[in-house]
Amino acid sequence: MDSVAVAVSGGRDSLLALALLAEQYGPDRVLAIHGLFIREADPRLLADLKRVCRDVGVSLVVADLRERFERLVIQPFVADYAAGRTPNPCAICNREVKFGLLLEEAHTRGVSHIATGHYARLEHCPQRTALFRGTDPTKDQSYFLSLVPEESLACALFPLGERFKADTLSALEARGLTPPAPQESQEVCFVPDDDYISFIEARRPELCDTGPIELADGTRLGVHGGLHRFTPGQRRGIGVAYTEPLYVLGKDMARNALIVGPKELTTSRGCTVGEVNLLVPPDEWPDECFAKTRYRQQAAPARVAFQDGRLDIEFLEPRSLPAAGQVAAVYDALGRVLAGGIIQEETS
């Protein structure tokens, strides 16, 4: 590795990644890069970032990526909800921005690698770079990185991959470093107060058109205020009374109808996955694969086949309903990511 740019947000994780790499390689080979994604630079945050970069001994550059972030992340996010899907903007941001635009920014400055504060592990080998789960099982972020192409991961470093989140603050304190943004970042950085419904409705008010809430047999139970408010498996907020708790089973976009049903109907045997990112050639996959279709899930045994540019995932035991637009990640028994992609539809 010749040099590395560290993507710094101002939070604990990226600051510790910056400090660790400056210690490992020397500050002259490390550059801090702060991306502007959704608003103009906060003068106080920038001043604090410059201060901590001086303390670490590295230079700071600011990259204005707002227009491209809007086009590559925010607009597809809104369009997915309008189409009845449940997108995962963090995974798209990793692919398009952090290991896309920011990596390009690093290369234009003559820097060979990009590092972030993600909790995941990489093994750089001559034939390919392998992505693994992070050591901290409560913070592992390999799922959100499964869409990043192998050629981008080959230029990546994850200094926190073998560390535990609970130790991050004490590691910074031991170095005399105070993060400019000490609070944990919100779930979706560009959505104020994590109120994605209001955010989407402000951009696409027509999505608030009402429609029927129905059981799978067509029995009408009530009226919803917009299909973008719901995702498969959801229980709270449906807004109708029934003899037993109801869950979202799906959406009929053609009729603007929300389909609901009892808990026993909220499991699935699998799904089809598109926009597939192969990190290991399928002919090298082990006989036993594991897959997850939600971040908080444990990866479970599954039969996975790659054909015609898509993944067909069949779980050996029923799992919670997958949501179109979310990420599916496939692993081997060692926690290596074999592939990732975007869920297209559930398969019964």
Protein backbone atom coordinates (compact mmCIF):
# COMPACT_ATOMS: atom_id res chain seq x y z
CA MET A 1 0.00 0.00 0.00
CA ASP A 2 1.41 3.40 -1.02
CA SER A 3 -1.01 5.69 0.80
CA VAL A 4 -4.53 5.73 2.20
CA ALA A 5 -7.36 8.24 2.46
CA VAL A 6 -9.61 7.78 5.48
CA ALA A 7 -13.24 8.79 5.10
CA VAL A 8 -13.95 10.84 8.23
CA SER A 9 -17.45 11.88 9.24
CA GLY A 10 -16.51 13.31 12.64
CA GLY A 11 -17.73 10.26 14.54
CA ARG A 12 -15.87 7.87 16.80
CA ASP A 13 -15.35 5.01 14.37
CA SER A 14 -13.82 6.97 11.51
CA LEU A 15 -11.62 8.97 13.90
CA LEU A 16 -10.23 5.80 15.46
CA ALA A 17 -9.63 4.34 12.00
CA LEU A 18 -7.70 7.50 11.10
CA ALA A 19 -5.58 7.35 14.26
CA LEU A 20 -4.80 3.64 13.87
CA LEU A 21 -3.65 4.03 10.27
CA ALA A 22 -1.53 7.09 11.07
CA GLU A 23 0.16 5.03 13.77
CA GLN A 24 0.62 2.02 11.51
CA TYR A 25 1.86 3.69 8.33
CA GLY A 26 2.92 7.13 9.51
CA PRO A 27 0.90 10.34 9.10
CA ASP A 28 2.69 11.29 5.87
CA ARG A 29 1.04 8.34 4.11
CA VAL A 30 -2.45 9.06 5.46
CA LEU A 31 -4.99 11.64 4.27
CA ALA A 32 -8.33 12.46 5.90
CA ILE A 33 -11.19 13.06 3.48
CA HIS A 34 -14.57 14.47 4.52
CA GLY A 35 -17.44 14.15 2.07
CA LEU A 36 -20.27 16.67 1.86
CA PHE A 37 -23.34 14.63 0.99
CA ILE A 38 -26.50 16.53 1.87
CA ARG A 39 -25.75 20.09 3.01
CA GLU A 40 -23.07 22.74 3.10
CA ALA A 41 -20.15 22.24 5.42
CA ASP A 42 -20.88 22.86 9.11
CA PRO A 43 -18.21 25.44 10.09
CA ARG A 44 -17.97 24.14 13.65
CA LEU A 45 -17.67 20.51 12.55
CA LEU A 46 -15.02 21.40 9.97
CA ALA A 47 -13.05 23.38 12.55
CA ASP A 48 -13.17 20.42 14.94
CA LEU A 49 -12.19 18.00 12.17
CA LYS A 50 -9.19 20.16 11.30
CA ARG A 51 -8.23 20.20 14.97
CA VAL A 52 -8.30 16.41 15.39
CA CYS A 53 -6.49 15.93 12.08
CA ARG A 54 -3.74 18.25 13.34
CA ASP A 55 -3.60 16.21 16.54
CA VAL A 56 -3.17 13.02 14.49
CA GLY A 57 -0.70 14.75 12.16
CA VAL A 58 -2.59 14.32 8.89
CA SER A 59 -4.03 16.69 6.30
CA LEU A 60 -7.77 17.10 5.71
CA VAL A 61 -9.54 17.60 2.39
CA VAL A 62 -13.24 18.21 1.81
CA ALA A 63 -15.03 16.72 -1.21
CA ASP A 64 -18.36 18.24 -2.28
CA LEU A 65 -20.40 15.25 -3.45
CA ARG A 66 -23.88 16.66 -2.84
CA GLU A 67 -25.16 16.66 -6.41
CA ARG A 68 -23.91 13.14 -7.09
CA PHE A 69 -25.16 11.85 -3.73
CA GLU A 70 -28.60 13.21 -4.56
CA ARG A 71 -28.55 11.43 -7.92
CA LEU A 72 -27.00 8.13 -6.83
CA VAL A 73 -28.54 7.62 -3.38
CA ILE A 74 -31.46 9.91 -2.52
CA GLN A 75 -33.39 9.82 -5.78
CA PRO A 76 -33.23 5.99 -6.08
CA PHE A 77 -34.30 5.75 -2.42
CA VAL A 78 -37.48 7.74 -3.10
CA ALA A 79 -38.12 5.94 -6.40
CA ASP A 80 -37.88 2.55 -4.69
CA TYR A 81 -40.52 3.47 -2.13
CA ALA A 82 -42.73 4.82 -4.93
CA ALA A 83 -42.41 1.43 -6.67
CA GLY A 84 -43.43 -0.49 -3.55
CA ARG A 85 -39.96 -1.58 -2.49
CA THR A 86 -38.09 -1.13 0.81
CA PRO A 87 -34.63 0.14 -0.14
CA ASN A 88 -31.38 -0.07 1.79
CA PRO A 89 -29.69 3.30 1.17
CA CYS A 90 -26.65 2.54 3.35
CA ALA A 91 -25.67 -0.41 1.17
CA ILE A 92 -26.17 1.67 -1.98
CA CYS A 93 -24.11 4.50 -0.48
CA ASN A 94 -21.26 2.11 0.28
CA ARG A 95 -21.22 0.88 -3.31
CA GLU A 96 -21.76 4.18 -5.09
CA VAL A 97 -20.25 6.77 -2.76
CA LYS A 98 -17.86 5.59 -0.07
CA PHE A 99 -16.18 2.99 -2.27
CA GLY A 100 -17.12 4.75 -5.49
CA LEU A 101 -16.97 8.54 -5.45
CA LEU A 102 -14.69 8.87 -2.42
CA LEU A 103 -12.33 6.24 -3.81
CA GLU A 104 -12.21 8.21 -7.08
CA GLU A 105 -11.47 11.38 -5.09
CA ALA A 106 -8.60 9.57 -3.37
CA HIS A 107 -7.19 8.34 -6.68
CA THR A 108 -7.29 11.85 -8.18
CA ARG A 109 -5.06 12.95 -5.30
CA GLY A 110 -2.60 10.15 -5.97
CA VAL A 111 -3.79 8.06 -3.01
CA SER A 112 -4.02 4.33 -3.62
CA HIS A 113 -6.44 3.15 -0.91
CA ILE A 114 -9.58 4.22 0.97
CA ALA A 115 -10.35 3.31 4.60
CA THR A 116 -13.50 3.63 6.68
CA GLY A 117 -14.64 2.86 10.20
CA HIS A 118 -16.73 -0.16 9.16
CA TYR A 119 -16.70 -3.22 11.39
CA ALA A 120 -15.82 -5.83 8.76
CA ARG A 121 -12.65 -7.69 7.79
CA LEU A 122 -10.73 -7.96 4.55
CA GLU A 123 -8.14 -10.47 3.42
CA HIS A 124 -6.07 -9.15 0.54
CA CYS A 125 -4.71 -12.04 -1.51
CA PRO A 126 -3.03 -11.98 -4.94
CA GLN A 127 -6.01 -13.62 -6.66
CA ARG A 128 -8.76 -11.59 -4.95
CA THR A 129 -9.81 -9.61 -1.90
CA ALA A 130 -12.14 -11.47 0.46
CA LEU A 131 -14.75 -9.74 2.65
CA PHE A 132 -15.53 -11.30 6.05
CA ARG A 133 -17.79 -10.56 8.97
CA GLY A 134 -16.33 -8.24 11.60
CA THR A 135 -15.08 -9.75 14.83
CA ASP A 136 -17.72 -7.90 16.88
CA PRO A 137 -20.93 -9.89 16.25
CA THR A 138 -23.12 -7.04 17.53
CA LYS A 139 -21.66 -4.52 15.10
CA ASP A 140 -20.67 -6.56 12.03
CA GLN A 141 -21.33 -4.49 8.89
CA SER A 142 -20.36 -6.95 6.17
CA TYR A 143 -24.04 -7.13 5.16
CA PHE A 144 -24.00 -3.43 4.21
CA LEU A 145 -20.77 -3.92 2.27
CA SER A 146 -21.87 -6.95 0.25
CA LEU A 147 -22.75 -4.82 -2.81
CA VAL A 148 -19.27 -3.27 -3.07
CA PRO A 149 -17.41 -4.76 -6.07
CA GLU A 150 -14.27 -6.77 -5.42
CA GLU A 151 -12.13 -4.34 -7.40
CA SER A 152 -13.14 -1.56 -4.99
CA LEU A 153 -12.59 -3.75 -1.91
CA ALA A 154 -9.08 -4.42 -3.24
CA CYS A 155 -8.39 -0.72 -2.56
CA ALA A 156 -10.07 -0.71 0.86
CA LEU A 157 -8.93 -1.00 4.46
CA PHE A 158 -11.06 -1.63 7.55
CA PRO A 159 -8.89 -0.91 10.60
CA LEU A 160 -11.74 -1.69 13.04
CA GLY A 161 -12.55 -5.10 11.58
CA GLU A 162 -11.04 -7.04 14.47
CA ARG A 163 -12.05 -4.58 17.17
CA PHE A 164 -15.15 -4.28 19.36
CA LYS A 165 -17.41 -1.24 19.24
CA ALA A 166 -17.55 -1.04 23.05
CA ASP A 167 -13.80 -0.33 23.15
CA THR A 168 -13.79 2.51 20.64
CA LEU A 169 -14.30 5.44 23.01
CA SER A 170 -11.66 4.26 25.47
CA ALA A 171 -9.21 3.77 22.57
CA LEU A 172 -9.76 7.39 21.53
CA GLU A 173 -9.44 8.66 25.09
CA ALA A 174 -6.15 6.81 25.45
CA ARG A 175 -4.89 8.81 22.47
CA GLY A 176 -6.25 12.10 23.75
CA LEU A 177 -8.73 12.36 20.87
CA THR A 178 -12.28 13.72 21.12
CA PRO A 179 -14.61 13.06 18.17
CA PRO A 180 -16.17 16.22 16.72
CA ALA A 181 -19.53 14.40 16.42
CA PRO A 182 -19.69 12.25 19.58
CA GLN A 183 -23.27 11.08 19.04
CA GLU A 184 -23.96 7.98 16.97
CA SER A 185 -25.18 8.80 13.46
CA GLN A 186 -28.86 8.31 12.70
CA GLU A 187 -30.10 5.37 10.68
CA VAL A 188 -30.43 7.18 7.34
CA CYS A 189 -28.12 10.18 7.29
CA PHE A 190 -30.14 12.28 4.83
CA VAL A 191 -33.55 11.75 6.49
CA PRO A 192 -34.17 14.24 9.33
CA ASP A 193 -35.00 12.52 12.64
CA ASP A 194 -35.25 9.17 10.78
CA ASP A 195 -38.76 10.23 9.67
CA TYR A 196 -38.52 8.66 6.23
CA ILE A 197 -42.30 8.79 5.67
CA SER A 198 -42.41 12.60 5.88
CA PHE A 199 -39.24 12.81 3.80
CA ILE A 200 -40.75 10.70 1.00
CA GLU A 201 -44.14 12.40 1.11
CA ALA A 202 -42.53 15.83 0.81
CA ARG A 203 -40.96 14.71 -2.47
CA ARG A 204 -43.77 12.50 -3.74
CA PRO A 205 -47.09 13.69 -2.21
CA GLU A 206 -49.09 11.57 -4.65
CA LEU A 207 -47.94 8.48 -2.74
CA CYS A 208 -50.40 9.40 0.02
CA ASP A 209 -53.32 8.21 -2.12
CA THR A 210 -55.54 5.98 -0.02
CA GLY A 211 -56.31 2.37 -0.87
CA PRO A 212 -57.85 -0.78 0.63
CA ILE A 213 -56.37 -2.93 3.38
CA GLU A 214 -57.32 -6.53 2.65
CA LEU A 215 -56.84 -10.06 3.87
CA ALA A 216 -55.29 -12.49 1.41
CA ASP A 217 -58.79 -13.75 0.51
CA GLY A 218 -59.89 -10.25 -0.50
CA THR A 219 -61.83 -9.35 2.64
CA ARG A 220 -61.64 -5.60 3.06
CA LEU A 221 -60.68 -4.43 6.55
CA GLY A 222 -59.94 -0.75 6.17
CA VAL A 223 -58.09 1.97 4.31
CA HIS A 224 -54.38 2.84 4.26
CA GLY A 225 -52.78 6.25 3.68
CA GLY A 226 -50.05 5.19 1.27
CA LEU A 227 -48.25 1.93 0.52
CA HIS A 228 -44.85 3.53 1.12
CA ARG A 229 -45.68 3.43 4.84
CA PHE A 230 -45.48 -0.36 4.99
CA THR A 231 -43.00 -3.18 4.54
CA PRO A 232 -43.46 -6.98 4.60
CA GLY A 233 -43.55 -8.41 8.11
CA GLN A 234 -44.56 -5.09 9.70
CA ARG A 235 -47.04 -5.30 12.58
CA ARG A 236 -47.36 -1.86 14.11
CA GLY A 237 -49.14 1.00 12.44
CA ILE A 238 -51.46 -0.96 10.15
CA GLY A 239 -54.44 0.80 11.68
CA VAL A 240 -57.20 -1.84 11.59
CA ALA A 241 -58.74 -3.95 14.32
CA TYR A 242 -59.11 -7.70 13.90
CA THR A 243 -59.58 -10.87 15.92
CA GLU A 244 -55.81 -11.43 16.04
CA PRO A 245 -52.70 -9.37 15.36
CA LEU A 246 -52.18 -8.59 11.69
CA TYR A 247 -48.95 -8.28 9.74
CA VAL A 248 -48.11 -6.86 6.33
CA LEU A 249 -47.87 -9.70 3.80
CA GLY A 250 -47.41 -7.68 0.63
CA LYS A 251 -48.55 -4.88 -1.65
CA ASP A 252 -50.72 -5.01 -4.75
CA MET A 253 -49.33 -2.00 -6.58
CA ALA A 254 -51.78 -2.26 -9.48
CA ARG A 255 -54.76 -1.82 -7.12
CA ASN A 256 -52.91 0.24 -4.46
CA ALA A 257 -53.95 -2.44 -1.97
CA LEU A 258 -52.18 -3.48 1.24
CA ILE A 259 -52.38 -7.22 1.91
CA VAL A 260 -52.30 -8.30 5.56
CA GLY A 261 -52.69 -11.50 7.48
CA PRO A 262 -51.90 -13.43 10.71
CA LYS A 263 -48.40 -14.19 11.94
CA GLU A 264 -48.36 -17.75 10.57
CA LEU A 265 -48.34 -16.29 7.04
CA THR A 266 -45.27 -14.10 7.63
CA THR A 267 -42.64 -16.69 6.79
CA SER A 268 -41.07 -17.52 3.47
CA ARG A 269 -38.86 -20.20 1.96
CA GLY A 270 -36.75 -17.83 -0.10
CA CYS A 271 -36.39 -15.10 -2.67
CA THR A 272 -34.87 -14.13 -6.01
CA VAL A 273 -32.07 -11.58 -5.98
CA GLY A 274 -30.88 -9.25 -8.74
CA GLU A 275 -28.05 -6.71 -9.20
CA VAL A 276 -25.79 -9.50 -8.00
CA ASN A 277 -22.29 -8.67 -6.80
CA LEU A 278 -20.19 -11.83 -6.93
CA LEU A 279 -17.25 -11.72 -4.54
CA VAL A 280 -16.39 -15.41 -4.98
CA PRO A 281 -17.03 -17.31 -8.25
CA PRO A 282 -20.04 -19.65 -7.78
CA ASP A 283 -18.03 -22.70 -8.84
CA GLU A 284 -15.87 -22.09 -5.74
CA TRP A 285 -18.78 -21.90 -3.31
CA PRO A 286 -18.99 -24.55 -0.61
CA ASP A 287 -21.84 -27.05 -0.50
CA GLU A 288 -23.18 -25.34 2.63
CA CYS A 289 -24.08 -21.66 2.26
CA PHE A 290 -25.72 -19.23 4.66
CA ALA A 291 -27.88 -16.25 3.75
CA LYS A 292 -29.59 -13.31 5.39
CA THR A 293 -32.18 -10.93 3.96
CA ARG A 294 -32.25 -8.43 6.84
CA TYR A 295 -29.43 -6.81 8.78
CA ARG A 296 -30.62 -8.01 12.20
CA GLN A 297 -31.05 -11.62 11.03
CA GLN A 298 -28.56 -14.34 11.71
CA ALA A 299 -27.38 -15.87 8.45
CA ALA A 300 -29.17 -19.22 8.09
CA PRO A 301 -28.45 -22.35 6.02
CA ALA A 302 -29.76 -22.03 2.48
CA ARG A 303 -29.49 -23.51 -0.97
CA VAL A 304 -28.20 -20.75 -3.24
CA ALA A 305 -27.92 -20.92 -7.01
CA PHE A 306 -26.57 -18.31 -9.40
CA GLN A 307 -28.08 -18.43 -12.87
CA ASP A 308 -29.11 -15.94 -15.55
CA GLY A 309 -27.53 -13.11 -13.57
CA ARG A 310 -29.59 -13.67 -10.43
CA LEU A 311 -29.45 -15.54 -7.14
CA ASP A 312 -32.15 -17.99 -6.17
CA ILE A 313 -32.11 -18.41 -2.38
CA GLU A 314 -34.02 -21.22 -0.71
CA PHE A 315 -33.80 -21.36 3.08
CA LEU A 316 -33.74 -24.79 4.64
CA GLU A 317 -36.16 -23.54 7.31
CA PRO A 318 -38.79 -20.81 6.80
CA ARG A 319 -37.65 -17.29 7.62
CA SER A 320 -39.33 -13.91 8.02
CA LEU A 321 -40.71 -12.40 4.84
CA PRO A 322 -38.04 -10.81 2.64
CA ALA A 323 -38.73 -7.29 1.38
CA ALA A 324 -38.12 -6.35 -2.24
CA GLY A 325 -35.43 -3.67 -2.37
CA GLN A 326 -33.53 -4.93 0.67
CA VAL A 327 -30.12 -6.59 0.48
CA ALA A 328 -29.53 -10.34 0.53
CA ALA A 329 -26.03 -11.45 1.52
CA VAL A 330 -24.61 -14.97 1.14
CA TYR A 331 -21.82 -16.31 3.37
CA ASP A 332 -19.77 -19.43 3.87
CA ALA A 333 -19.29 -21.10 7.26
CA LEU A 334 -16.22 -18.95 7.99
CA GLY A 335 -18.15 -15.69 7.59
CA ARG A 336 -16.74 -14.87 4.15
CA VAL A 337 -19.19 -13.00 1.92
CA LEU A 338 -19.75 -14.94 -1.29
CA ALA A 339 -22.23 -12.58 -2.93
CA GLY A 340 -24.72 -9.82 -2.32
CA GLY A 341 -27.63 -8.39 -4.25
CA ILE A 342 -31.01 -6.69 -4.18
CA ILE A 343 -34.09 -8.76 -3.37
CA GLN A 344 -36.55 -8.77 -6.27
CA GLU A 345 -39.37 -10.90 -4.93
CA GLU A 346 -40.29 -13.55 -2.43
CA THR A 347 -40.54 -17.16 -3.60
CA SER A 348 -42.94 -19.49 -1.84
